[in-house]
Amino acid sequence: MTTTKTPAATDATLTTQEDIVTRPLARKVLAVSRIVIGWTFLWAFLDKLFGLNFATPSAGAWINGGTPAQGFISRIEGPFAGFFQIFNNGFGDVFFMFGLLGIGVAMIAGAGLRIAAVGGTLLMLFMFMAEIPTASAMVDGELVRGSTNPIVDSHWHEALLLIIAAVTLAGDTWGLGKWWAAKDVVRKNPWLR
């Protein structure tokens, strides 16, 4: 009888999702969550790049000369408004757009999840800080309620989904995670996993 060795069986140092998450249904739910959060970031990139008239009008598209980060940054009024002005330039736009693209592609592909989780969590932290106070804002001299919770908002949820995908190796199910992990460069630099 011939047995087929799996990547985990050929290299004892290669940890796979099956080693961490033992239930197949849980692995599938994690994979769907990874793809959904990846699509969230990739869609934001596409909408801001092409102006698909969801969050970004066609006239504000990056390809039409729009400034995806600068428009947001110029409206920051919270305690960190001064800090974010360092990103209120073309560098901020490039950094933001490539961040959205990289996080989205990594999550959908299932490879490079650790880098995507760190970068995405940092991006979500910055966006959360930019919107403090989240409970209300002054718009045209009028107090507008913008959040039902002044501490936890959707930025936290998105960051946690990115982190959960990375620590559970969610890219191994319905993704390129196992293939990516077997590459020599990734074995030598596990932070690329």
N, C-alpha and C. Protein backbone atom coordinates (compact mmCIF):
# COMPACT_ATOMS: atom_id res chain seq x y z
N MET A 1 0.85 -1.18 0.00
CA MET A 1 0.00 0.00 0.00
C MET A 1 0.89 1.24 0.00
N THR A 2 0.58 2.18 -0.89
CA THR A 2 1.34 3.41 -1.01
C THR A 2 0.60 4.52 -0.26
N THR A 3 1.35 5.29 0.51
CA THR A 3 0.74 6.42 1.21
C THR A 3 1.26 7.72 0.62
N THR A 4 0.40 8.69 0.60
CA THR A 4 0.78 10.01 0.09
C THR A 4 1.09 10.89 1.29
N LYS A 5 2.24 11.51 1.25
CA LYS A 5 2.61 12.40 2.35
C LYS A 5 2.08 13.80 2.08
N THR A 6 1.53 14.39 3.11
CA THR A 6 1.06 15.77 3.03
C THR A 6 2.23 16.68 3.37
N PRO A 7 2.14 17.98 3.03
CA PRO A 7 3.23 18.89 3.39
C PRO A 7 3.55 18.86 4.88
N ALA A 8 2.54 18.72 5.75
CA ALA A 8 2.79 18.68 7.19
C ALA A 8 3.55 17.41 7.56
N ALA A 9 3.31 16.31 6.83
CA ALA A 9 3.99 15.06 7.14
C ALA A 9 5.43 15.06 6.66
N THR A 10 5.74 15.77 5.59
CA THR A 10 7.11 15.79 5.08
C THR A 10 8.00 16.75 5.85
N ASP A 11 7.44 17.75 6.46
CA ASP A 11 8.24 18.70 7.22
C ASP A 11 7.54 18.98 8.55
N ALA A 12 8.11 18.46 9.61
CA ALA A 12 7.49 18.59 10.92
C ALA A 12 7.41 20.05 11.38
N THR A 13 8.21 20.93 10.80
CA THR A 13 8.18 22.33 11.21
C THR A 13 7.09 23.14 10.52
N LEU A 14 6.46 22.58 9.52
CA LEU A 14 5.40 23.29 8.79
C LEU A 14 4.06 23.09 9.50
N THR A 15 3.59 24.14 10.12
CA THR A 15 2.30 24.10 10.80
C THR A 15 1.22 24.47 9.80
N THR A 16 0.14 23.72 9.80
CA THR A 16 -0.99 24.02 8.92
C THR A 16 -2.21 24.37 9.75
N GLN A 17 -3.24 24.83 9.08
CA GLN A 17 -4.46 25.20 9.78
C GLN A 17 -5.07 24.01 10.51
N GLU A 18 -4.93 22.82 9.96
CA GLU A 18 -5.49 21.63 10.60
C GLU A 18 -4.87 21.39 11.97
N ASP A 19 -3.63 21.84 12.17
CA ASP A 19 -2.98 21.71 13.47
C ASP A 19 -3.58 22.67 14.50
N ILE A 20 -4.13 23.77 14.04
CA ILE A 20 -4.66 24.81 14.92
C ILE A 20 -6.16 24.70 15.09
N VAL A 21 -6.86 24.51 13.98
CA VAL A 21 -8.33 24.44 13.98
C VAL A 21 -8.70 23.02 13.56
N THR A 22 -9.21 22.25 14.50
CA THR A 22 -9.42 20.82 14.24
C THR A 22 -10.75 20.49 13.57
N ARG A 23 -11.71 21.37 13.62
CA ARG A 23 -13.02 21.07 13.03
C ARG A 23 -13.12 21.62 11.61
N PRO A 24 -13.49 20.76 10.65
CA PRO A 24 -13.59 21.20 9.25
C PRO A 24 -14.56 22.35 9.04
N LEU A 25 -15.70 22.33 9.72
CA LEU A 25 -16.67 23.41 9.54
C LEU A 25 -16.08 24.74 10.04
N ALA A 26 -15.35 24.72 11.13
CA ALA A 26 -14.73 25.94 11.65
C ALA A 26 -13.71 26.47 10.64
N ARG A 27 -12.94 25.58 10.00
CA ARG A 27 -11.98 26.01 8.98
C ARG A 27 -12.68 26.66 7.80
N LYS A 28 -13.84 26.13 7.41
CA LYS A 28 -14.59 26.70 6.29
C LYS A 28 -15.17 28.08 6.66
N VAL A 29 -15.66 28.21 7.89
CA VAL A 29 -16.19 29.50 8.33
C VAL A 29 -15.07 30.53 8.36
N LEU A 30 -13.89 30.15 8.83
CA LEU A 30 -12.74 31.05 8.84
C LEU A 30 -12.33 31.44 7.41
N ALA A 31 -12.40 30.50 6.49
CA ALA A 31 -12.06 30.79 5.10
C ALA A 31 -13.05 31.79 4.50
N VAL A 32 -14.33 31.58 4.76
CA VAL A 32 -15.34 32.52 4.25
C VAL A 32 -15.12 33.90 4.87
N SER A 33 -14.84 33.96 6.16
CA SER A 33 -14.58 35.24 6.83
C SER A 33 -13.37 35.94 6.23
N ARG A 34 -12.33 35.17 5.93
CA ARG A 34 -11.12 35.72 5.32
C ARG A 34 -11.42 36.31 3.95
N ILE A 35 -12.19 35.59 3.15
CA ILE A 35 -12.53 36.06 1.81
C ILE A 35 -13.43 37.30 1.88
N VAL A 36 -14.37 37.30 2.81
CA VAL A 36 -15.28 38.44 2.95
C VAL A 36 -14.52 39.70 3.36
N ILE A 37 -13.62 39.60 4.34
CA ILE A 37 -12.88 40.79 4.76
C ILE A 37 -11.91 41.20 3.64
N GLY A 38 -11.36 40.23 2.93
CA GLY A 38 -10.50 40.56 1.80
C GLY A 38 -11.26 41.32 0.72
N TRP A 39 -12.47 40.87 0.43
CA TRP A 39 -13.29 41.54 -0.58
C TRP A 39 -13.67 42.94 -0.11
N THR A 40 -13.87 43.14 1.18
CA THR A 40 -14.17 44.46 1.72
C THR A 40 -13.05 45.45 1.37
N PHE A 41 -11.80 45.03 1.57
CA PHE A 41 -10.66 45.90 1.27
C PHE A 41 -10.45 46.04 -0.23
N LEU A 42 -10.58 44.94 -0.97
CA LEU A 42 -10.38 45.01 -2.41
C LEU A 42 -11.45 45.88 -3.07
N TRP A 43 -12.70 45.76 -2.61
CA TRP A 43 -13.77 46.58 -3.16
C TRP A 43 -13.51 48.06 -2.89
N ALA A 44 -13.07 48.39 -1.68
CA ALA A 44 -12.76 49.79 -1.37
C ALA A 44 -11.70 50.32 -2.32
N PHE A 45 -10.69 49.49 -2.61
CA PHE A 45 -9.65 49.89 -3.57
C PHE A 45 -10.25 50.14 -4.95
N LEU A 46 -11.05 49.20 -5.45
CA LEU A 46 -11.63 49.32 -6.79
C LEU A 46 -12.56 50.52 -6.89
N ASP A 47 -13.38 50.74 -5.87
CA ASP A 47 -14.31 51.87 -5.88
C ASP A 47 -13.56 53.19 -5.89
N LYS A 48 -12.50 53.29 -5.10
CA LYS A 48 -11.73 54.53 -5.05
C LYS A 48 -10.87 54.71 -6.31
N LEU A 49 -10.43 53.61 -6.91
CA LEU A 49 -9.63 53.70 -8.13
C LEU A 49 -10.47 54.13 -9.33
N PHE A 50 -11.64 53.50 -9.50
CA PHE A 50 -12.45 53.73 -10.69
C PHE A 50 -13.66 54.62 -10.46
N GLY A 51 -13.99 54.95 -9.21
CA GLY A 51 -15.17 55.76 -8.94
C GLY A 51 -16.43 55.05 -9.37
N LEU A 52 -16.74 53.94 -8.74
CA LEU A 52 -17.86 53.09 -9.14
C LEU A 52 -19.20 53.58 -8.57
N ASN A 53 -19.20 54.78 -8.01
CA ASN A 53 -20.40 55.44 -7.50
C ASN A 53 -21.04 54.74 -6.31
N PHE A 54 -20.22 54.06 -5.51
CA PHE A 54 -20.71 53.54 -4.24
C PHE A 54 -20.27 54.52 -3.16
N ALA A 55 -19.03 54.44 -2.70
CA ALA A 55 -18.51 55.44 -1.76
C ALA A 55 -17.81 56.57 -2.51
N THR A 56 -17.40 56.30 -3.74
CA THR A 56 -16.63 57.29 -4.52
C THR A 56 -17.33 57.60 -5.83
N PRO A 57 -17.69 58.86 -6.05
CA PRO A 57 -18.29 59.22 -7.34
C PRO A 57 -17.24 59.14 -8.45
N SER A 58 -17.69 58.97 -9.65
CA SER A 58 -16.80 58.85 -10.80
C SER A 58 -15.81 60.01 -10.89
N ALA A 59 -16.27 61.20 -10.63
CA ALA A 59 -15.40 62.38 -10.71
C ALA A 59 -14.29 62.35 -9.66
N GLY A 60 -14.51 61.63 -8.56
CA GLY A 60 -13.51 61.55 -7.49
C GLY A 60 -12.59 60.36 -7.60
N ALA A 61 -12.72 59.58 -8.68
CA ALA A 61 -11.89 58.38 -8.86
C ALA A 61 -10.41 58.75 -8.94
N TRP A 62 -9.57 57.87 -8.44
CA TRP A 62 -8.12 58.10 -8.47
C TRP A 62 -7.64 58.23 -9.90
N ILE A 63 -8.19 57.42 -10.82
CA ILE A 63 -7.76 57.51 -12.22
C ILE A 63 -8.21 58.81 -12.89
N ASN A 64 -9.17 59.48 -12.28
CA ASN A 64 -9.64 60.77 -12.80
C ASN A 64 -9.02 61.94 -12.04
N GLY A 65 -7.96 61.67 -11.29
CA GLY A 65 -7.29 62.74 -10.56
C GLY A 65 -7.79 62.95 -9.15
N GLY A 66 -8.69 62.08 -8.68
CA GLY A 66 -9.18 62.19 -7.31
C GLY A 66 -8.09 61.87 -6.30
N THR A 67 -8.34 62.23 -5.08
CA THR A 67 -7.37 62.00 -4.00
C THR A 67 -8.04 61.17 -2.91
N PRO A 68 -7.93 59.85 -2.98
CA PRO A 68 -8.68 58.99 -2.08
C PRO A 68 -8.40 59.21 -0.59
N ALA A 69 -7.18 59.44 -0.21
CA ALA A 69 -6.88 59.65 1.21
C ALA A 69 -7.03 61.12 1.60
N GLN A 70 -6.64 62.01 0.72
CA GLN A 70 -6.65 63.43 1.06
C GLN A 70 -8.05 63.97 1.33
N GLY A 71 -9.03 63.46 0.60
CA GLY A 71 -10.40 63.90 0.84
C GLY A 71 -10.86 63.55 2.25
N PHE A 72 -10.53 62.35 2.69
CA PHE A 72 -10.88 61.90 4.04
C PHE A 72 -10.08 62.69 5.07
N ILE A 73 -8.78 62.82 4.85
CA ILE A 73 -7.90 63.48 5.82
C ILE A 73 -8.28 64.95 6.00
N SER A 74 -8.66 65.60 4.92
CA SER A 74 -8.98 67.03 5.02
C SER A 74 -10.21 67.29 5.88
N ARG A 75 -11.04 66.27 6.13
CA ARG A 75 -12.25 66.44 6.94
C ARG A 75 -12.07 65.99 8.38
N ILE A 76 -10.88 65.55 8.77
CA ILE A 76 -10.65 65.09 10.14
C ILE A 76 -10.68 66.28 11.08
N GLU A 77 -11.49 66.17 12.15
CA GLU A 77 -11.62 67.26 13.10
C GLU A 77 -11.28 66.85 14.52
N GLY A 78 -10.97 65.59 14.77
CA GLY A 78 -10.74 65.10 16.12
C GLY A 78 -9.39 65.51 16.69
N PRO A 79 -9.04 64.94 17.82
CA PRO A 79 -7.80 65.31 18.50
C PRO A 79 -6.53 64.93 17.74
N PHE A 80 -6.64 64.07 16.75
CA PHE A 80 -5.47 63.63 15.98
C PHE A 80 -5.40 64.30 14.61
N ALA A 81 -6.21 65.30 14.38
CA ALA A 81 -6.27 65.96 13.07
C ALA A 81 -4.90 66.45 12.62
N GLY A 82 -4.13 67.04 13.51
CA GLY A 82 -2.80 67.54 13.17
C GLY A 82 -1.85 66.43 12.75
N PHE A 83 -1.91 65.30 13.46
CA PHE A 83 -1.04 64.16 13.14
C PHE A 83 -1.29 63.66 11.72
N PHE A 84 -2.55 63.55 11.35
CA PHE A 84 -2.88 62.97 10.05
C PHE A 84 -2.55 63.88 8.87
N GLN A 85 -2.26 65.14 9.13
CA GLN A 85 -1.91 66.05 8.04
C GLN A 85 -0.61 65.65 7.36
N ILE A 86 0.24 64.84 8.03
CA ILE A 86 1.47 64.37 7.37
C ILE A 86 1.16 63.44 6.20
N PHE A 87 -0.06 62.87 6.19
CA PHE A 87 -0.48 61.99 5.10
C PHE A 87 -1.33 62.71 4.07
N ASN A 88 -1.56 64.00 4.25
CA ASN A 88 -2.44 64.75 3.36
C ASN A 88 -1.67 65.23 2.12
N ASN A 89 -1.21 64.23 1.34
CA ASN A 89 -0.43 64.50 0.13
C ASN A 89 -0.50 63.27 -0.78
N GLY A 90 0.20 63.33 -1.87
CA GLY A 90 0.20 62.20 -2.81
C GLY A 90 0.71 60.92 -2.19
N PHE A 91 1.70 61.02 -1.29
CA PHE A 91 2.21 59.83 -0.60
C PHE A 91 1.10 59.14 0.19
N GLY A 92 0.27 59.93 0.86
CA GLY A 92 -0.84 59.37 1.62
C GLY A 92 -1.80 58.61 0.73
N ASP A 93 -2.07 59.14 -0.46
CA ASP A 93 -2.95 58.46 -1.40
C ASP A 93 -2.36 57.13 -1.86
N VAL A 94 -1.09 57.14 -2.24
CA VAL A 94 -0.42 55.91 -2.70
C VAL A 94 -0.37 54.88 -1.58
N PHE A 95 0.03 55.31 -0.40
CA PHE A 95 0.12 54.43 0.77
C PHE A 95 -1.24 53.79 1.06
N PHE A 96 -2.29 54.60 1.07
CA PHE A 96 -3.64 54.13 1.35
C PHE A 96 -4.13 53.15 0.29
N MET A 97 -3.97 53.52 -0.98
CA MET A 97 -4.48 52.68 -2.07
C MET A 97 -3.73 51.34 -2.15
N PHE A 98 -2.41 51.38 -2.07
CA PHE A 98 -1.67 50.12 -2.13
C PHE A 98 -1.92 49.28 -0.89
N GLY A 99 -2.19 49.93 0.23
CA GLY A 99 -2.57 49.19 1.44
C GLY A 99 -3.88 48.44 1.23
N LEU A 100 -4.89 49.14 0.71
CA LEU A 100 -6.17 48.48 0.44
C LEU A 100 -6.00 47.32 -0.53
N LEU A 101 -5.26 47.55 -1.61
CA LEU A 101 -5.04 46.51 -2.61
C LEU A 101 -4.30 45.31 -2.01
N GLY A 102 -3.20 45.57 -1.33
CA GLY A 102 -2.39 44.48 -0.76
C GLY A 102 -3.15 43.66 0.26
N ILE A 103 -3.87 44.33 1.15
CA ILE A 103 -4.64 43.61 2.17
C ILE A 103 -5.73 42.78 1.51
N GLY A 104 -6.44 43.37 0.55
CA GLY A 104 -7.51 42.64 -0.13
C GLY A 104 -7.02 41.42 -0.88
N VAL A 105 -5.96 41.59 -1.65
CA VAL A 105 -5.42 40.47 -2.43
C VAL A 105 -4.87 39.37 -1.51
N ALA A 106 -4.13 39.76 -0.47
CA ALA A 106 -3.57 38.77 0.45
C ALA A 106 -4.67 37.96 1.13
N MET A 107 -5.70 38.64 1.58
CA MET A 107 -6.78 37.93 2.28
C MET A 107 -7.55 37.01 1.33
N ILE A 108 -7.85 37.48 0.15
CA ILE A 108 -8.59 36.63 -0.79
C ILE A 108 -7.73 35.45 -1.24
N ALA A 109 -6.45 35.70 -1.50
CA ALA A 109 -5.56 34.63 -1.94
C ALA A 109 -5.21 33.67 -0.81
N GLY A 110 -5.18 34.16 0.41
CA GLY A 110 -4.84 33.30 1.55
C GLY A 110 -3.35 33.20 1.80
N ALA A 111 -2.57 34.09 1.24
CA ALA A 111 -1.11 34.09 1.42
C ALA A 111 -0.66 35.48 1.87
N GLY A 112 0.30 35.51 2.76
CA GLY A 112 0.77 36.79 3.29
C GLY A 112 -0.19 37.37 4.32
N LEU A 113 -0.90 36.50 5.04
CA LEU A 113 -1.92 36.96 5.97
C LEU A 113 -1.34 37.72 7.15
N ARG A 114 -0.15 37.36 7.60
CA ARG A 114 0.44 38.07 8.75
C ARG A 114 0.74 39.51 8.40
N ILE A 115 1.33 39.73 7.24
CA ILE A 115 1.63 41.10 6.81
C ILE A 115 0.32 41.87 6.62
N ALA A 116 -0.66 41.24 5.99
CA ALA A 116 -1.96 41.89 5.77
C ALA A 116 -2.64 42.21 7.09
N ALA A 117 -2.53 41.32 8.07
CA ALA A 117 -3.15 41.57 9.37
C ALA A 117 -2.49 42.74 10.09
N VAL A 118 -1.18 42.80 10.06
CA VAL A 118 -0.48 43.91 10.72
C VAL A 118 -0.78 45.22 10.00
N GLY A 119 -0.64 45.23 8.68
CA GLY A 119 -0.91 46.44 7.91
C GLY A 119 -2.35 46.88 8.02
N GLY A 120 -3.27 45.93 7.93
CA GLY A 120 -4.69 46.26 8.01
C GLY A 120 -5.10 46.73 9.39
N THR A 121 -4.53 46.14 10.42
CA THR A 121 -4.84 46.57 11.78
C THR A 121 -4.32 47.98 12.01
N LEU A 122 -3.14 48.27 11.52
CA LEU A 122 -2.60 49.63 11.63
C LEU A 122 -3.48 50.62 10.87
N LEU A 123 -3.92 50.26 9.67
CA LEU A 123 -4.81 51.12 8.90
C LEU A 123 -6.12 51.35 9.65
N MET A 124 -6.70 50.29 10.22
CA MET A 124 -7.95 50.43 10.96
C MET A 124 -7.76 51.28 12.22
N LEU A 125 -6.61 51.13 12.89
CA LEU A 125 -6.32 51.95 14.06
C LEU A 125 -6.25 53.43 13.67
N PHE A 126 -5.56 53.71 12.58
CA PHE A 126 -5.48 55.09 12.10
C PHE A 126 -6.86 55.64 11.75
N MET A 127 -7.67 54.84 11.09
CA MET A 127 -9.00 55.31 10.71
C MET A 127 -9.88 55.52 11.94
N PHE A 128 -9.74 54.66 12.93
CA PHE A 128 -10.48 54.83 14.18
C PHE A 128 -10.05 56.13 14.86
N MET A 129 -8.73 56.35 14.95
CA MET A 129 -8.20 57.56 15.57
C MET A 129 -8.67 58.82 14.82
N ALA A 130 -8.76 58.72 13.51
CA ALA A 130 -9.17 59.86 12.70
C ALA A 130 -10.63 60.23 12.94
N GLU A 131 -11.42 59.27 13.36
CA GLU A 131 -12.85 59.52 13.54
C GLU A 131 -13.25 59.75 14.99
N ILE A 132 -12.28 59.82 15.90
CA ILE A 132 -12.59 60.12 17.30
C ILE A 132 -13.05 61.58 17.38
N PRO A 133 -14.07 61.96 18.05
CA PRO A 133 -14.99 61.10 18.79
C PRO A 133 -16.00 60.45 17.85
N THR A 134 -16.19 59.18 18.00
CA THR A 134 -17.07 58.45 17.08
C THR A 134 -18.54 58.62 17.39
N ALA A 135 -18.86 59.08 18.58
CA ALA A 135 -20.27 59.18 18.95
C ALA A 135 -20.97 60.34 18.27
N SER A 136 -20.24 61.42 17.97
CA SER A 136 -20.89 62.57 17.37
C SER A 136 -19.87 63.42 16.62
N ALA A 137 -20.36 64.29 15.79
CA ALA A 137 -19.49 65.21 15.06
C ALA A 137 -20.28 66.47 14.74
N MET A 138 -19.56 67.56 14.57
CA MET A 138 -20.19 68.81 14.17
C MET A 138 -20.19 68.89 12.65
N VAL A 139 -21.37 69.01 12.06
CA VAL A 139 -21.50 69.15 10.61
C VAL A 139 -22.31 70.41 10.35
N ASP A 140 -21.68 71.37 9.71
CA ASP A 140 -22.31 72.65 9.42
C ASP A 140 -22.91 73.29 10.68
N GLY A 141 -22.15 73.20 11.78
CA GLY A 141 -22.58 73.81 13.03
C GLY A 141 -23.64 73.04 13.78
N GLU A 142 -23.96 71.83 13.33
CA GLU A 142 -25.00 71.03 13.97
C GLU A 142 -24.40 69.72 14.48
N LEU A 143 -24.78 69.29 15.68
CA LEU A 143 -24.30 68.03 16.24
C LEU A 143 -25.02 66.87 15.57
N VAL A 144 -24.25 65.97 14.95
CA VAL A 144 -24.82 64.82 14.26
C VAL A 144 -24.32 63.56 14.95
N ARG A 145 -25.23 62.69 15.28
CA ARG A 145 -24.86 61.41 15.90
C ARG A 145 -24.41 60.46 14.80
N GLY A 146 -23.18 59.92 14.92
CA GLY A 146 -22.64 59.07 13.88
C GLY A 146 -22.36 57.65 14.32
N SER A 147 -22.52 57.35 15.59
CA SER A 147 -22.18 56.02 16.08
C SER A 147 -23.06 55.68 17.26
N THR A 148 -23.31 54.41 17.43
CA THR A 148 -24.08 53.97 18.59
C THR A 148 -23.18 53.57 19.74
N ASN A 149 -21.85 53.57 19.50
CA ASN A 149 -20.90 53.16 20.52
C ASN A 149 -19.66 54.04 20.41
N PRO A 150 -19.32 54.78 21.44
CA PRO A 150 -18.19 55.70 21.34
C PRO A 150 -16.81 55.03 21.44
N ILE A 151 -16.75 53.76 21.75
CA ILE A 151 -15.47 53.09 21.95
C ILE A 151 -15.18 52.06 20.86
N VAL A 152 -16.12 51.17 20.60
CA VAL A 152 -15.92 50.10 19.63
C VAL A 152 -16.77 50.37 18.39
N ASP A 153 -16.12 50.34 17.22
CA ASP A 153 -16.86 50.51 15.97
C ASP A 153 -16.40 49.47 14.96
N SER A 154 -16.82 49.60 13.73
CA SER A 154 -16.53 48.59 12.71
C SER A 154 -15.04 48.45 12.42
N HIS A 155 -14.24 49.47 12.69
CA HIS A 155 -12.80 49.36 12.47
C HIS A 155 -12.20 48.26 13.36
N TRP A 156 -12.70 48.13 14.57
CA TRP A 156 -12.24 47.07 15.47
C TRP A 156 -12.62 45.69 14.91
N HIS A 157 -13.83 45.58 14.40
CA HIS A 157 -14.30 44.29 13.85
C HIS A 157 -13.44 43.87 12.67
N GLU A 158 -13.16 44.83 11.79
CA GLU A 158 -12.36 44.51 10.61
C GLU A 158 -10.94 44.12 11.01
N ALA A 159 -10.35 44.83 11.95
CA ALA A 159 -9.00 44.49 12.42
C ALA A 159 -8.98 43.10 13.04
N LEU A 160 -9.99 42.78 13.83
CA LEU A 160 -10.03 41.46 14.46
C LEU A 160 -10.20 40.34 13.44
N LEU A 161 -11.00 40.56 12.40
CA LEU A 161 -11.13 39.54 11.35
C LEU A 161 -9.79 39.29 10.66
N LEU A 162 -9.03 40.36 10.42
CA LEU A 162 -7.71 40.20 9.81
C LEU A 162 -6.78 39.40 10.72
N ILE A 163 -6.78 39.74 12.00
CA ILE A 163 -5.92 39.04 12.96
C ILE A 163 -6.33 37.58 13.11
N ILE A 164 -7.62 37.33 13.22
CA ILE A 164 -8.11 35.94 13.35
C ILE A 164 -7.70 35.11 12.14
N ALA A 165 -7.83 35.69 10.95
CA ALA A 165 -7.43 34.96 9.73
C ALA A 165 -5.95 34.59 9.78
N ALA A 166 -5.12 35.53 10.25
CA ALA A 166 -3.67 35.28 10.29
C ALA A 166 -3.30 34.24 11.33
N VAL A 167 -3.83 34.36 12.54
CA VAL A 167 -3.40 33.45 13.61
C VAL A 167 -3.97 32.04 13.47
N THR A 168 -5.06 31.90 12.72
CA THR A 168 -5.63 30.56 12.50
C THR A 168 -5.20 29.96 11.17
N LEU A 169 -4.31 30.65 10.45
CA LEU A 169 -3.84 30.20 9.14
C LEU A 169 -5.02 29.91 8.21
N ALA A 170 -5.98 30.82 8.22
CA ALA A 170 -7.21 30.64 7.45
C ALA A 170 -6.98 30.56 5.94
N GLY A 171 -5.81 30.94 5.47
CA GLY A 171 -5.51 30.83 4.05
C GLY A 171 -5.26 29.42 3.58
N ASP A 172 -5.11 28.49 4.51
CA ASP A 172 -4.90 27.08 4.14
C ASP A 172 -6.15 26.44 3.57
N THR A 173 -7.32 26.93 3.94
CA THR A 173 -8.59 26.41 3.44
C THR A 173 -9.08 27.34 2.34
N TRP A 174 -9.28 26.80 1.16
CA TRP A 174 -9.76 27.55 0.00
C TRP A 174 -8.84 28.73 -0.33
N GLY A 175 -7.56 28.54 -0.13
CA GLY A 175 -6.60 29.60 -0.43
C GLY A 175 -5.24 29.01 -0.73
N LEU A 176 -4.27 29.87 -0.92
CA LEU A 176 -2.90 29.46 -1.27
C LEU A 176 -1.99 29.32 -0.07
N GLY A 177 -2.55 29.29 1.14
CA GLY A 177 -1.76 29.28 2.36
C GLY A 177 -0.75 28.15 2.47
N LYS A 178 -1.15 26.92 2.20
CA LYS A 178 -0.22 25.78 2.32
C LYS A 178 0.87 25.87 1.26
N TRP A 179 0.49 26.22 0.05
CA TRP A 179 1.47 26.36 -1.03
C TRP A 179 2.47 27.45 -0.68
N TRP A 180 1.97 28.59 -0.20
CA TRP A 180 2.82 29.72 0.17
C TRP A 180 3.75 29.34 1.33
N ALA A 181 3.22 28.65 2.32
CA ALA A 181 4.02 28.26 3.49
C ALA A 181 5.15 27.32 3.11
N ALA A 182 4.99 26.54 2.06
CA ALA A 182 6.00 25.57 1.66
C ALA A 182 7.16 26.21 0.89
N LYS A 183 7.01 27.47 0.47
CA LYS A 183 8.08 28.16 -0.26
C LYS A 183 9.28 28.39 0.66
N ASP A 184 10.48 28.23 0.12
CA ASP A 184 11.70 28.39 0.92
C ASP A 184 11.78 29.76 1.59
N VAL A 185 11.45 30.80 0.86
CA VAL A 185 11.55 32.15 1.42
C VAL A 185 10.61 32.32 2.62
N VAL A 186 9.45 31.68 2.58
CA VAL A 186 8.49 31.78 3.68
C VAL A 186 8.94 30.91 4.85
N ARG A 187 9.52 29.75 4.57
CA ARG A 187 10.06 28.90 5.65
C ARG A 187 11.18 29.61 6.40
N LYS A 188 11.99 30.36 5.67
CA LYS A 188 13.11 31.08 6.29
C LYS A 188 12.64 32.37 6.98
N ASN A 189 11.50 32.89 6.54
CA ASN A 189 10.95 34.14 7.09
C ASN A 189 9.48 33.92 7.41
N PRO A 190 9.18 33.28 8.54
CA PRO A 190 7.81 32.93 8.87
C PRO A 190 6.85 34.13 8.96
N TRP A 191 7.37 35.33 9.14
CA TRP A 191 6.51 36.50 9.20
C TRP A 191 5.83 36.77 7.86
N LEU A 192 6.32 36.14 6.79
CA LEU A 192 5.68 36.27 5.48
C LEU A 192 4.44 35.39 5.35
N ARG A 193 4.26 34.46 6.27
CA ARG A 193 3.17 33.49 6.20
C ARG A 193 1.85 34.23 6.21
